[in-house]
Structure formats: structure tokens, C-alpha cells
Amino acid sequence: RNQRKKEEESAVGAIYCKKIDDLLQQS
């Protein structure tokens, strides 16, 4: 629902997908 803080993303190398469809297609 909300994007996590940049430092939290960087710590695990996570990329935010605003749309679930994008995640489903790439995973």
C-alpha cells in the first residue's frame, strides 16, 4: 500500500512496484 523508506529498500535490494500487475508479470 505504501512504499518503504529508501534505506529499507536498499538494505535488501528491493524494488517497489506501484502496480501489482507489474510484479506478477516479472516475478
mmCIF file of all heavy atoms, coordinates in Angstrom:
data_MODEL
# 
_entry.id   MODEL 
# 
loop_
_atom_site.group_PDB 
_atom_site.id 
_atom_site.type_symbol 
_atom_site.label_atom_id 
_atom_site.label_alt_id 
_atom_site.label_comp_id 
_atom_site.label_asym_id 
_atom_site.label_entity_id 
_atom_site.label_seq_id 
_atom_site.pdbx_PDB_ins_code 
_atom_site.Cartn_x 
_atom_site.Cartn_y 
_atom_site.Cartn_z 
_atom_site.occupancy 
_atom_site.B_iso_or_equiv 
_atom_site.pdbx_formal_charge 
_atom_site.auth_seq_id 
_atom_site.auth_comp_id 
_atom_site.auth_asym_id 
_atom_site.auth_atom_id 
_atom_site.pdbx_PDB_model_num 
ATOM 1   N N   . ARG A 1 1  ? 0.835  -1.205  0.000   1.00 0.00 ? 1  ARG A N   1 
ATOM 2   C CA  . ARG A 1 1  ? 0.000  0.000   0.000   1.00 0.00 ? 1  ARG A CA  1 
ATOM 3   C C   . ARG A 1 1  ? 0.868  1.253   0.000   1.00 0.00 ? 1  ARG A C   1 
ATOM 4   O O   . ARG A 1 1  ? 0.553  2.240   -0.669  1.00 0.00 ? 1  ARG A O   1 
ATOM 5   C CB  . ARG A 1 1  ? -0.913 0.017   1.229   1.00 0.00 ? 1  ARG A CB  1 
ATOM 6   C CG  . ARG A 1 1  ? -2.103 -0.926  1.138   1.00 0.00 ? 1  ARG A CG  1 
ATOM 7   C CD  . ARG A 1 1  ? -2.904 -0.936  2.423   1.00 0.00 ? 1  ARG A CD  1 
ATOM 8   N NE  . ARG A 1 1  ? -2.114 -1.425  3.552   1.00 0.00 ? 1  ARG A NE  1 
ATOM 9   C CZ  . ARG A 1 1  ? -2.576 -1.545  4.793   1.00 0.00 ? 1  ARG A CZ  1 
ATOM 10  N NH1 . ARG A 1 1  ? -3.815 -1.203  5.063   1.00 0.00 ? 1  ARG A NH1 1 
ATOM 11  N NH2 . ARG A 1 1  ? -1.812 -2.011  5.756   1.00 0.00 ? 1  ARG A NH2 1 
ATOM 12  N N   . ASN A 1 2  ? 1.968  1.182   0.741   1.00 0.00 ? 2  ASN A N   1 
ATOM 13  C CA  . ASN A 1 2  ? 2.884  2.320   0.821   1.00 0.00 ? 2  ASN A CA  1 
ATOM 14  C C   . ASN A 1 2  ? 4.303  1.858   0.532   1.00 0.00 ? 2  ASN A C   1 
ATOM 15  O O   . ASN A 1 2  ? 4.706  0.774   0.946   1.00 0.00 ? 2  ASN A O   1 
ATOM 16  C CB  . ASN A 1 2  ? 2.832  2.960   2.219   1.00 0.00 ? 2  ASN A CB  1 
ATOM 17  C CG  . ASN A 1 2  ? 1.436  3.439   2.577   1.00 0.00 ? 2  ASN A CG  1 
ATOM 18  O OD1 . ASN A 1 2  ? 0.860  4.259   1.875   1.00 0.00 ? 2  ASN A OD1 1 
ATOM 19  N ND2 . ASN A 1 2  ? 0.882  2.904   3.659   1.00 0.00 ? 2  ASN A ND2 1 
ATOM 20  N N   . GLN A 1 3  ? 5.048  2.699   -0.171  1.00 0.00 ? 3  GLN A N   1 
ATOM 21  C CA  . GLN A 1 3  ? 6.441  2.383   -0.445  1.00 0.00 ? 3  GLN A CA  1 
ATOM 22  C C   . GLN A 1 3  ? 7.263  2.524   0.822   1.00 0.00 ? 3  GLN A C   1 
ATOM 23  O O   . GLN A 1 3  ? 7.062  3.454   1.612   1.00 0.00 ? 3  GLN A O   1 
ATOM 24  C CB  . GLN A 1 3  ? 6.994  3.308   -1.536  1.00 0.00 ? 3  GLN A CB  1 
ATOM 25  C CG  . GLN A 1 3  ? 8.400  2.962   -1.984  1.00 0.00 ? 3  GLN A CG  1 
ATOM 26  C CD  . GLN A 1 3  ? 8.838  3.756   -3.199  1.00 0.00 ? 3  GLN A CD  1 
ATOM 27  O OE1 . GLN A 1 3  ? 8.059  4.530   -3.757  1.00 0.00 ? 3  GLN A OE1 1 
ATOM 28  N NE2 . GLN A 1 3  ? 10.079 3.567   -3.617  1.00 0.00 ? 3  GLN A NE2 1 
ATOM 29  N N   . ARG A 1 4  ? 8.177  1.582   1.049   1.00 0.00 ? 4  ARG A N   1 
ATOM 30  C CA  . ARG A 1 4  ? 9.033  1.637   2.234   1.00 0.00 ? 4  ARG A CA  1 
ATOM 31  C C   . ARG A 1 4  ? 10.126 2.681   2.048   1.00 0.00 ? 4  ARG A C   1 
ATOM 32  O O   . ARG A 1 4  ? 10.366 3.176   0.939   1.00 0.00 ? 4  ARG A O   1 
ATOM 33  C CB  . ARG A 1 4  ? 9.639  0.270   2.516   1.00 0.00 ? 4  ARG A CB  1 
ATOM 34  C CG  . ARG A 1 4  ? 8.580  -0.783  2.868   1.00 0.00 ? 4  ARG A CG  1 
ATOM 35  C CD  . ARG A 1 4  ? 9.221  -2.019  3.436   1.00 0.00 ? 4  ARG A CD  1 
ATOM 36  N NE  . ARG A 1 4  ? 9.682  -1.769  4.801   1.00 0.00 ? 4  ARG A NE  1 
ATOM 37  C CZ  . ARG A 1 4  ? 9.287  -2.473  5.865   1.00 0.00 ? 4  ARG A CZ  1 
ATOM 38  N NH1 . ARG A 1 4  ? 8.399  -3.426  5.736   1.00 0.00 ? 4  ARG A NH1 1 
ATOM 39  N NH2 . ARG A 1 4  ? 9.777  -2.207  7.066   1.00 0.00 ? 4  ARG A NH2 1 
ATOM 40  N N   . LYS A 1 5  ? 10.808 3.020   3.137   1.00 0.00 ? 5  LYS A N   1 
ATOM 41  C CA  . LYS A 1 5  ? 11.875 4.014   3.086   1.00 0.00 ? 5  LYS A CA  1 
ATOM 42  C C   . LYS A 1 5  ? 13.004 3.523   2.184   1.00 0.00 ? 5  LYS A C   1 
ATOM 43  O O   . LYS A 1 5  ? 13.262 2.325   2.071   1.00 0.00 ? 5  LYS A O   1 
ATOM 44  C CB  . LYS A 1 5  ? 12.421 4.275   4.497   1.00 0.00 ? 5  LYS A CB  1 
ATOM 45  C CG  . LYS A 1 5  ? 11.399 4.899   5.437   1.00 0.00 ? 5  LYS A CG  1 
ATOM 46  C CD  . LYS A 1 5  ? 11.974 5.025   6.844   1.00 0.00 ? 5  LYS A CD  1 
ATOM 47  C CE  . LYS A 1 5  ? 10.954 5.617   7.812   1.00 0.00 ? 5  LYS A CE  1 
ATOM 48  N NZ  . LYS A 1 5  ? 11.484 5.678   9.197   1.00 0.00 ? 5  LYS A NZ  1 
ATOM 49  N N   . LYS A 1 6  ? 13.688 4.473   1.559   1.00 0.00 ? 6  LYS A N   1 
ATOM 50  C CA  . LYS A 1 6  ? 14.750 4.144   0.621   1.00 0.00 ? 6  LYS A CA  1 
ATOM 51  C C   . LYS A 1 6  ? 15.842 3.295   1.276   1.00 0.00 ? 6  LYS A C   1 
ATOM 52  O O   . LYS A 1 6  ? 16.375 2.369   0.662   1.00 0.00 ? 6  LYS A O   1 
ATOM 53  C CB  . LYS A 1 6  ? 15.365 5.427   0.038   1.00 0.00 ? 6  LYS A CB  1 
ATOM 54  C CG  . LYS A 1 6  ? 14.430 6.196   -0.886  1.00 0.00 ? 6  LYS A CG  1 
ATOM 55  C CD  . LYS A 1 6  ? 14.097 5.396   -2.134  1.00 0.00 ? 6  LYS A CD  1 
ATOM 56  C CE  . LYS A 1 6  ? 13.188 6.202   -3.075  1.00 0.00 ? 6  LYS A CE  1 
ATOM 57  N NZ  . LYS A 1 6  ? 12.766 5.371   -4.241  1.00 0.00 ? 6  LYS A NZ  1 
ATOM 58  N N   . GLU A 1 7  ? 16.175 3.614   2.539   1.00 0.00 ? 7  GLU A N   1 
ATOM 59  C CA  . GLU A 1 7  ? 17.223 2.857   3.214   1.00 0.00 ? 7  GLU A CA  1 
ATOM 60  C C   . GLU A 1 7  ? 16.786 1.422   3.486   1.00 0.00 ? 7  GLU A C   1 
ATOM 61  O O   . GLU A 1 7  ? 17.611 0.492   3.475   1.00 0.00 ? 7  GLU A O   1 
ATOM 62  C CB  . GLU A 1 7  ? 17.657 3.541   4.514   1.00 0.00 ? 7  GLU A CB  1 
ATOM 63  C CG  . GLU A 1 7  ? 16.543 3.840   5.504   1.00 0.00 ? 7  GLU A CG  1 
ATOM 64  C CD  . GLU A 1 7  ? 15.957 5.244   5.340   1.00 0.00 ? 7  GLU A CD  1 
ATOM 65  O OE1 . GLU A 1 7  ? 15.965 5.772   4.213   1.00 0.00 ? 7  GLU A OE1 1 
ATOM 66  O OE2 . GLU A 1 7  ? 15.510 5.790   6.367   1.00 0.00 ? 7  GLU A OE2 1 
ATOM 67  N N   . GLU A 1 8  ? 15.477 1.211   3.722   1.00 0.00 ? 8  GLU A N   1 
ATOM 68  C CA  . GLU A 1 8  ? 14.961 -0.140  3.923   1.00 0.00 ? 8  GLU A CA  1 
ATOM 69  C C   . GLU A 1 8  ? 15.007 -0.927  2.617   1.00 0.00 ? 8  GLU A C   1 
ATOM 70  O O   . GLU A 1 8  ? 15.352 -2.114  2.601   1.00 0.00 ? 8  GLU A O   1 
ATOM 71  C CB  . GLU A 1 8  ? 13.535 -0.081  4.466   1.00 0.00 ? 8  GLU A CB  1 
ATOM 72  C CG  . GLU A 1 8  ? 13.442 0.489   5.872   1.00 0.00 ? 8  GLU A CG  1 
ATOM 73  C CD  . GLU A 1 8  ? 12.016 0.696   6.330   1.00 0.00 ? 8  GLU A CD  1 
ATOM 74  O OE1 . GLU A 1 8  ? 11.109 0.831   5.474   1.00 0.00 ? 8  GLU A OE1 1 
ATOM 75  O OE2 . GLU A 1 8  ? 11.798 0.729   7.550   1.00 0.00 ? 8  GLU A OE2 1 
ATOM 76  N N   . GLU A 1 9  ? 14.647 -0.250  1.519   1.00 0.00 ? 9  GLU A N   1 
ATOM 77  C CA  . GLU A 1 9  ? 14.728 -0.896  0.205   1.00 0.00 ? 9  GLU A CA  1 
ATOM 78  C C   . GLU A 1 9  ? 16.172 -1.275  -0.114  1.00 0.00 ? 9  GLU A C   1 
ATOM 79  O O   . GLU A 1 9  ? 16.451 -2.397  -0.552  1.00 0.00 ? 9  GLU A O   1 
ATOM 80  C CB  . GLU A 1 9  ? 14.191 0.043   -0.879  1.00 0.00 ? 9  GLU A CB  1 
ATOM 81  C CG  . GLU A 1 9  ? 12.691 0.291   -0.820  1.00 0.00 ? 9  GLU A CG  1 
ATOM 82  C CD  . GLU A 1 9  ? 12.212 1.229   -1.920  1.00 0.00 ? 9  GLU A CD  1 
ATOM 83  O OE1 . GLU A 1 9  ? 13.038 2.026   -2.431  1.00 0.00 ? 9  GLU A OE1 1 
ATOM 84  O OE2 . GLU A 1 9  ? 11.026 1.161   -2.265  1.00 0.00 ? 9  GLU A OE2 1 
ATOM 85  N N   . SER A 1 10 ? 17.072 -0.352  0.113   1.00 0.00 ? 10 SER A N   1 
ATOM 86  C CA  . SER A 1 10 ? 18.482 -0.575  -0.221  1.00 0.00 ? 10 SER A CA  1 
ATOM 87  C C   . SER A 1 10 ? 19.080 -1.727  0.583   1.00 0.00 ? 10 SER A C   1 
ATOM 88  O O   . SER A 1 10 ? 19.916 -2.488  0.083   1.00 0.00 ? 10 SER A O   1 
ATOM 89  C CB  . SER A 1 10 ? 19.296 0.692   0.029   1.00 0.00 ? 10 SER A CB  1 
ATOM 90  O OG  . SER A 1 10 ? 18.845 1.749   -0.795  1.00 0.00 ? 10 SER A OG  1 
ATOM 91  N N   . ALA A 1 11 ? 18.648 -1.864  1.836   1.00 0.00 ? 11 ALA A N   1 
ATOM 92  C CA  . ALA A 1 11 ? 19.216 -2.890  2.715   1.00 0.00 ? 11 ALA A CA  1 
ATOM 93  C C   . ALA A 1 11 ? 18.987 -4.300  2.179   1.00 0.00 ? 11 ALA A C   1 
ATOM 94  O O   . ALA A 1 11 ? 19.801 -5.198  2.409   1.00 0.00 ? 11 ALA A O   1 
ATOM 95  C CB  . ALA A 1 11 ? 18.615 -2.756  4.119   1.00 0.00 ? 11 ALA A CB  1 
ATOM 96  N N   . VAL A 1 12 ? 17.870 -4.500  1.466   1.00 0.00 ? 12 VAL A N   1 
ATOM 97  C CA  . VAL A 1 12 ? 17.575 -5.835  0.915   1.00 0.00 ? 12 VAL A CA  1 
ATOM 98  C C   . VAL A 1 12 ? 17.580 -5.838  -0.611  1.00 0.00 ? 12 VAL A C   1 
ATOM 99  O O   . VAL A 1 12 ? 17.333 -6.875  -1.239  1.00 0.00 ? 12 VAL A O   1 
ATOM 100 C CB  . VAL A 1 12 ? 16.214 -6.361  1.439   1.00 0.00 ? 12 VAL A CB  1 
ATOM 101 C CG1 . VAL A 1 12 ? 16.270 -6.617  2.932   1.00 0.00 ? 12 VAL A CG1 1 
ATOM 102 C CG2 . VAL A 1 12 ? 15.071 -5.406  1.099   1.00 0.00 ? 12 VAL A CG2 1 
ATOM 103 N N   . GLY A 1 13 ? 17.837 -4.675  -1.211  1.00 0.00 ? 13 GLY A N   1 
ATOM 104 C CA  . GLY A 1 13 ? 17.847 -4.585  -2.671  1.00 0.00 ? 13 GLY A CA  1 
ATOM 105 C C   . GLY A 1 13 ? 16.470 -4.730  -3.292  1.00 0.00 ? 13 GLY A C   1 
ATOM 106 O O   . GLY A 1 13 ? 16.326 -5.303  -4.381  1.00 0.00 ? 13 GLY A O   1 
ATOM 107 N N   . ALA A 1 14 ? 15.447 -4.224  -2.613  1.00 0.00 ? 14 ALA A N   1 
ATOM 108 C CA  . ALA A 1 14 ? 14.068 -4.375  -3.088  1.00 0.00 ? 14 ALA A CA  1 
ATOM 109 C C   . ALA A 1 14 ? 13.649 -3.210  -3.986  1.00 0.00 ? 14 ALA A C   1 
ATOM 110 O O   . ALA A 1 14 ? 14.026 -2.065  -3.746  1.00 0.00 ? 14 ALA A O   1 
ATOM 111 C CB  . ALA A 1 14 ? 13.112 -4.484  -1.904  1.00 0.00 ? 14 ALA A CB  1 
ATOM 112 N N   . ILE A 1 15 ? 12.865 -3.532  -5.013  1.00 0.00 ? 15 ILE A N   1 
ATOM 113 C CA  . ILE A 1 15 ? 12.354 -2.533  -5.950  1.00 0.00 ? 15 ILE A CA  1 
ATOM 114 C C   . ILE A 1 15 ? 10.834 -2.474  -5.817  1.00 0.00 ? 15 ILE A C   1 
ATOM 115 O O   . ILE A 1 15 ? 10.153 -3.503  -5.868  1.00 0.00 ? 15 ILE A O   1 
ATOM 116 C CB  . ILE A 1 15 ? 12.747 -2.883  -7.397  1.00 0.00 ? 15 ILE A CB  1 
ATOM 117 C CG1 . ILE A 1 15 ? 14.279 -2.930  -7.531  1.00 0.00 ? 15 ILE A CG1 1 
ATOM 118 C CG2 . ILE A 1 15 ? 12.152 -1.887  -8.387  1.00 0.00 ? 15 ILE A CG2 1 
ATOM 119 C CD1 . ILE A 1 15 ? 14.761 -3.505  -8.840  1.00 0.00 ? 15 ILE A CD1 1 
ATOM 120 N N   . TYR A 1 16 ? 10.307 -1.267  -5.656  1.00 0.00 ? 16 TYR A N   1 
ATOM 121 C CA  . TYR A 1 16 ? 8.867  -1.071  -5.436  1.00 0.00 ? 16 TYR A CA  1 
ATOM 122 C C   . TYR A 1 16 ? 8.100  -1.123  -6.745  1.00 0.00 ? 16 TYR A C   1 
ATOM 123 O O   . TYR A 1 16 ? 8.486  -0.489  -7.734  1.00 0.00 ? 16 TYR A O   1 
ATOM 124 C CB  . TYR A 1 16 ? 8.641  0.273   -4.753  1.00 0.00 ? 16 TYR A CB  1 
ATOM 125 C CG  . TYR A 1 16 ? 7.191  0.607   -4.473  1.00 0.00 ? 16 TYR A CG  1 
ATOM 126 C CD1 . TYR A 1 16 ? 6.415  -0.205  -3.663  1.00 0.00 ? 16 TYR A CD1 1 
ATOM 127 C CD2 . TYR A 1 16 ? 6.603  1.750   -5.020  1.00 0.00 ? 16 TYR A CD2 1 
ATOM 128 C CE1 . TYR A 1 16 ? 5.097  0.104   -3.383  1.00 0.00 ? 16 TYR A CE1 1 
ATOM 129 C CE2 . TYR A 1 16 ? 5.280  2.076   -4.753  1.00 0.00 ? 16 TYR A CE2 1 
ATOM 130 C CZ  . TYR A 1 16 ? 4.524  1.244   -3.933  1.00 0.00 ? 16 TYR A CZ  1 
ATOM 131 O OH  . TYR A 1 16 ? 3.217  1.556   -3.669  1.00 0.00 ? 16 TYR A OH  1 
ATOM 132 N N   . CYS A 1 17 ? 7.028  -1.894  -6.773  1.00 0.00 ? 17 CYS A N   1 
ATOM 133 C CA  . CYS A 1 17 ? 6.099  -1.934  -7.904  1.00 0.00 ? 17 CYS A CA  1 
ATOM 134 C C   . CYS A 1 17 ? 4.788  -1.297  -7.450  1.00 0.00 ? 17 CYS A C   1 
ATOM 135 O O   . CYS A 1 17 ? 4.073  -1.880  -6.621  1.00 0.00 ? 17 CYS A O   1 
ATOM 136 C CB  . CYS A 1 17 ? 5.846  -3.364  -8.361  1.00 0.00 ? 17 CYS A CB  1 
ATOM 137 S SG  . CYS A 1 17 ? 7.263  -4.182  -9.107  1.00 0.00 ? 17 CYS A SG  1 
ATOM 138 N N   . LYS A 1 18 ? 4.474  -0.138  -7.979  1.00 0.00 ? 18 LYS A N   1 
ATOM 139 C CA  . LYS A 1 18 ? 3.240  0.538   -7.591  1.00 0.00 ? 18 LYS A CA  1 
ATOM 140 C C   . LYS A 1 18 ? 2.017  -0.279  -8.008  1.00 0.00 ? 18 LYS A C   1 
ATOM 141 O O   . LYS A 1 18 ? 1.016  -0.337  -7.294  1.00 0.00 ? 18 LYS A O   1 
ATOM 142 C CB  . LYS A 1 18 ? 3.182  1.934   -8.213  1.00 0.00 ? 18 LYS A CB  1 
ATOM 143 C CG  . LYS A 1 18 ? 2.035  2.772   -7.705  1.00 0.00 ? 18 LYS A CG  1 
ATOM 144 C CD  . LYS A 1 18 ? 2.108  4.203   -8.228  1.00 0.00 ? 18 LYS A CD  1 
ATOM 145 C CE  . LYS A 1 18 ? 0.984  5.064   -7.660  1.00 0.00 ? 18 LYS A CE  1 
ATOM 146 N NZ  . LYS A 1 18 ? 1.062  6.470   -8.154  1.00 0.00 ? 18 LYS A NZ  1 
ATOM 147 N N   . LYS A 1 19 ? 2.122  -0.951  -9.169  1.00 0.00 ? 19 LYS A N   1 
ATOM 148 C CA  . LYS A 1 19 ? 1.021  -1.776  -9.670  1.00 0.00 ? 19 LYS A CA  1 
ATOM 149 C C   . LYS A 1 19 ? 1.359  -3.248  -9.466  1.00 0.00 ? 19 LYS A C   1 
ATOM 150 O O   . LYS A 1 19 ? 2.447  -3.698  -9.829  1.00 0.00 ? 19 LYS A O   1 
ATOM 151 C CB  . LYS A 1 19 ? 0.777  -1.494  -11.149 1.00 0.00 ? 19 LYS A CB  1 
ATOM 152 C CG  . LYS A 1 19 ? 0.287  -0.079  -11.435 1.00 0.00 ? 19 LYS A CG  1 
ATOM 153 C CD  . LYS A 1 19 ? 0.044  0.114   -12.926 1.00 0.00 ? 19 LYS A CD  1 
ATOM 154 C CE  . LYS A 1 19 ? -0.480 1.514   -13.230 1.00 0.00 ? 19 LYS A CE  1 
ATOM 155 N NZ  . LYS A 1 19 ? -0.691 1.727   -14.690 1.00 0.00 ? 19 LYS A NZ  1 
ATOM 156 N N   . ILE A 1 20 ? 0.408  -3.986  -8.915  1.00 0.00 ? 20 ILE A N   1 
ATOM 157 C CA  . ILE A 1 20 ? 0.630  -5.408  -8.684  1.00 0.00 ? 20 ILE A CA  1 
ATOM 158 C C   . ILE A 1 20 ? 0.829  -6.154  -9.994  1.00 0.00 ? 20 ILE A C   1 
ATOM 159 O O   . ILE A 1 20 ? 1.568  -7.148  -10.061 1.00 0.00 ? 20 ILE A O   1 
ATOM 160 C CB  . ILE A 1 20 ? -0.537 -6.018  -7.861  1.00 0.00 ? 20 ILE A CB  1 
ATOM 161 C CG1 . ILE A 1 20 ? -0.159 -7.434  -7.377  1.00 0.00 ? 20 ILE A CG1 1 
ATOM 162 C CG2 . ILE A 1 20 ? -1.823 -6.035  -8.661  1.00 0.00 ? 20 ILE A CG2 1 
ATOM 163 C CD1 . ILE A 1 20 ? -1.173 -8.051  -6.433  1.00 0.00 ? 20 ILE A CD1 1 
ATOM 164 N N   . ASP A 1 21 ? 0.209  -5.671  -11.069 1.00 0.00 ? 21 ASP A N   1 
ATOM 165 C CA  . ASP A 1 21 ? 0.333  -6.337  -12.369 1.00 0.00 ? 21 ASP A CA  1 
ATOM 166 C C   . ASP A 1 21 ? 1.787  -6.407  -12.814 1.00 0.00 ? 21 ASP A C   1 
ATOM 167 O O   . ASP A 1 21 ? 2.226  -7.420  -13.373 1.00 0.00 ? 21 ASP A O   1 
ATOM 168 C CB  . ASP A 1 21 ? -0.495 -5.606  -13.428 1.00 0.00 ? 21 ASP A CB  1 
ATOM 169 C CG  . ASP A 1 21 ? -1.993 -5.762  -13.215 1.00 0.00 ? 21 ASP A CG  1 
ATOM 170 O OD1 . ASP A 1 21 ? -2.393 -6.322  -12.166 1.00 0.00 ? 21 ASP A OD1 1 
ATOM 171 O OD2 . ASP A 1 21 ? -2.778 -5.315  -14.074 1.00 0.00 ? 21 ASP A OD2 1 
ATOM 172 N N   . ASP A 1 22 ? 2.537  -5.346  -12.584 1.00 0.00 ? 22 ASP A N   1 
ATOM 173 C CA  . ASP A 1 22 ? 3.946  -5.320  -12.978 1.00 0.00 ? 22 ASP A CA  1 
ATOM 174 C C   . ASP A 1 22 ? 4.731  -6.393  -12.235 1.00 0.00 ? 22 ASP A C   1 
ATOM 175 O O   . ASP A 1 22 ? 5.581  -7.075  -12.813 1.00 0.00 ? 22 ASP A O   1 
ATOM 176 C CB  . ASP A 1 22 ? 4.555  -3.936  -12.715 1.00 0.00 ? 22 ASP A CB  1 
ATOM 177 C CG  . ASP A 1 22 ? 3.943  -2.850  -13.582 1.00 0.00 ? 22 ASP A CG  1 
ATOM 178 O OD1 . ASP A 1 22 ? 3.416  -3.182  -14.670 1.00 0.00 ? 22 ASP A OD1 1 
ATOM 179 O OD2 . ASP A 1 22 ? 3.980  -1.682  -13.168 1.00 0.00 ? 22 ASP A OD2 1 
ATOM 180 N N   . LEU A 1 23 ? 4.440  -6.529  -10.949 1.00 0.00 ? 23 LEU A N   1 
ATOM 181 C CA  . LEU A 1 23 ? 5.118  -7.547  -10.141 1.00 0.00 ? 23 LEU A CA  1 
ATOM 182 C C   . LEU A 1 23 ? 4.777  -8.946  -10.643 1.00 0.00 ? 23 LEU A C   1 
ATOM 183 O O   . LEU A 1 23 ? 5.665  -9.799  -10.779 1.00 0.00 ? 23 LEU A O   1 
ATOM 184 C CB  . LEU A 1 23 ? 4.725  -7.376  -8.680  1.00 0.00 ? 23 LEU A CB  1 
ATOM 185 C CG  . LEU A 1 23 ? 5.320  -8.362  -7.661  1.00 0.00 ? 23 LEU A CG  1 
ATOM 186 C CD1 . LEU A 1 23 ? 5.561  -7.675  -6.327  1.00 0.00 ? 23 LEU A CD1 1 
ATOM 187 C CD2 . LEU A 1 23 ? 4.410  -9.575  -7.454  1.00 0.00 ? 23 LEU A CD2 1 
ATOM 188 N N   . LEU A 1 24 ? 3.505  -9.195  -10.912 1.00 0.00 ? 24 LEU A N   1 
ATOM 189 C CA  . LEU A 1 24 ? 3.074  -10.526 -11.344 1.00 0.00 ? 24 LEU A CA  1 
ATOM 190 C C   . LEU A 1 24 ? 3.737  -10.927 -12.653 1.00 0.00 ? 24 LEU A C   1 
ATOM 191 O O   . LEU A 1 24 ? 4.145  -12.088 -12.833 1.00 0.00 ? 24 LEU A O   1 
ATOM 192 C CB  . LEU A 1 24 ? 1.551  -10.560 -11.493 1.00 0.00 ? 24 LEU A CB  1 
ATOM 193 C CG  . LEU A 1 24 ? 0.733  -10.374 -10.206 1.00 0.00 ? 24 LEU A CG  1 
ATOM 194 C CD1 . LEU A 1 24 ? -0.741 -10.208 -10.528 1.00 0.00 ? 24 LEU A CD1 1 
ATOM 195 C CD2 . LEU A 1 24 ? 0.944  -11.531 -9.246  1.00 0.00 ? 24 LEU A CD2 1 
ATOM 196 N N   . GLN A 1 25 ? 3.874  -9.979  -13.560 1.00 0.00 ? 25 GLN A N   1 
ATOM 197 C CA  . GLN A 1 25 ? 4.425  -10.281 -14.877 1.00 0.00 ? 25 GLN A CA  1 
ATOM 198 C C   . GLN A 1 25 ? 5.929  -10.554 -14.847 1.00 0.00 ? 25 GLN A C   1 
ATOM 199 O O   . GLN A 1 25 ? 6.442  -11.305 -15.671 1.00 0.00 ? 25 GLN A O   1 
ATOM 200 C CB  . GLN A 1 25 ? 4.125  -9.124  -15.841 1.00 0.00 ? 25 GLN A CB  1 
ATOM 201 C CG  . GLN A 1 25 ? 2.654  -9.006  -16.197 1.00 0.00 ? 25 GLN A CG  1 
ATOM 202 C CD  . GLN A 1 25 ? 2.324  -7.717  -16.928 1.00 0.00 ? 25 GLN A CD  1 
ATOM 203 O OE1 . GLN A 1 25 ? 2.977  -6.695  -16.742 1.00 0.00 ? 25 GLN A OE1 1 
ATOM 204 N NE2 . GLN A 1 25 ? 1.295  -7.753  -17.781 1.00 0.00 ? 25 GLN A NE2 1 
ATOM 205 N N   . GLN A 1 26 ? 6.618  -9.970  -13.882 1.00 0.00 ? 26 GLN A N   1 
ATOM 206 C CA  . GLN A 1 26 ? 8.077  -10.069 -13.858 1.00 0.00 ? 26 GLN A CA  1 
ATOM 207 C C   . GLN A 1 26 ? 8.623  -11.148 -12.933 1.00 0.00 ? 26 GLN A C   1 
ATOM 208 O O   . GLN A 1 26 ? 9.788  -11.553 -13.068 1.00 0.00 ? 26 GLN A O   1 
ATOM 209 C CB  . GLN A 1 26 ? 8.679  -8.719  -13.419 1.00 0.00 ? 26 GLN A CB  1 
ATOM 210 C CG  . GLN A 1 26 ? 8.391  -7.562  -14.356 1.00 0.00 ? 26 GLN A CG  1 
ATOM 211 C CD  . GLN A 1 26 ? 8.977  -6.267  -13.817 1.00 0.00 ? 26 GLN A CD  1 
ATOM 212 O OE1 . GLN A 1 26 ? 10.185 -6.139  -13.616 1.00 0.00 ? 26 GLN A OE1 1 
ATOM 213 N NE2 . GLN A 1 26 ? 8.119  -5.289  -13.570 1.00 0.00 ? 26 GLN A NE2 1 
ATOM 214 N N   . SER A 1 27 ? 7.813  -11.643 -12.014 1.00 0.00 ? 27 SER A N   1 
ATOM 215 C CA  . SER A 1 27 ? 8.327  -12.500 -10.939 1.00 0.00 ? 27 SER A CA  1 
ATOM 216 C C   . SER A 1 27 ? 8.352  -13.981 -11.316 1.00 0.00 ? 27 SER A C   1 
ATOM 217 O O   . SER A 1 27 ? 7.438  -14.496 -11.957 1.00 0.00 ? 27 SER A O   1 
ATOM 218 C CB  . SER A 1 27 ? 7.482  -12.324 -9.681  1.00 0.00 ? 27 SER A CB  1 
ATOM 219 O OG  . SER A 1 27 ? 7.528  -10.988 -9.232  1.00 0.00 ? 27 SER A OG  1 
# 
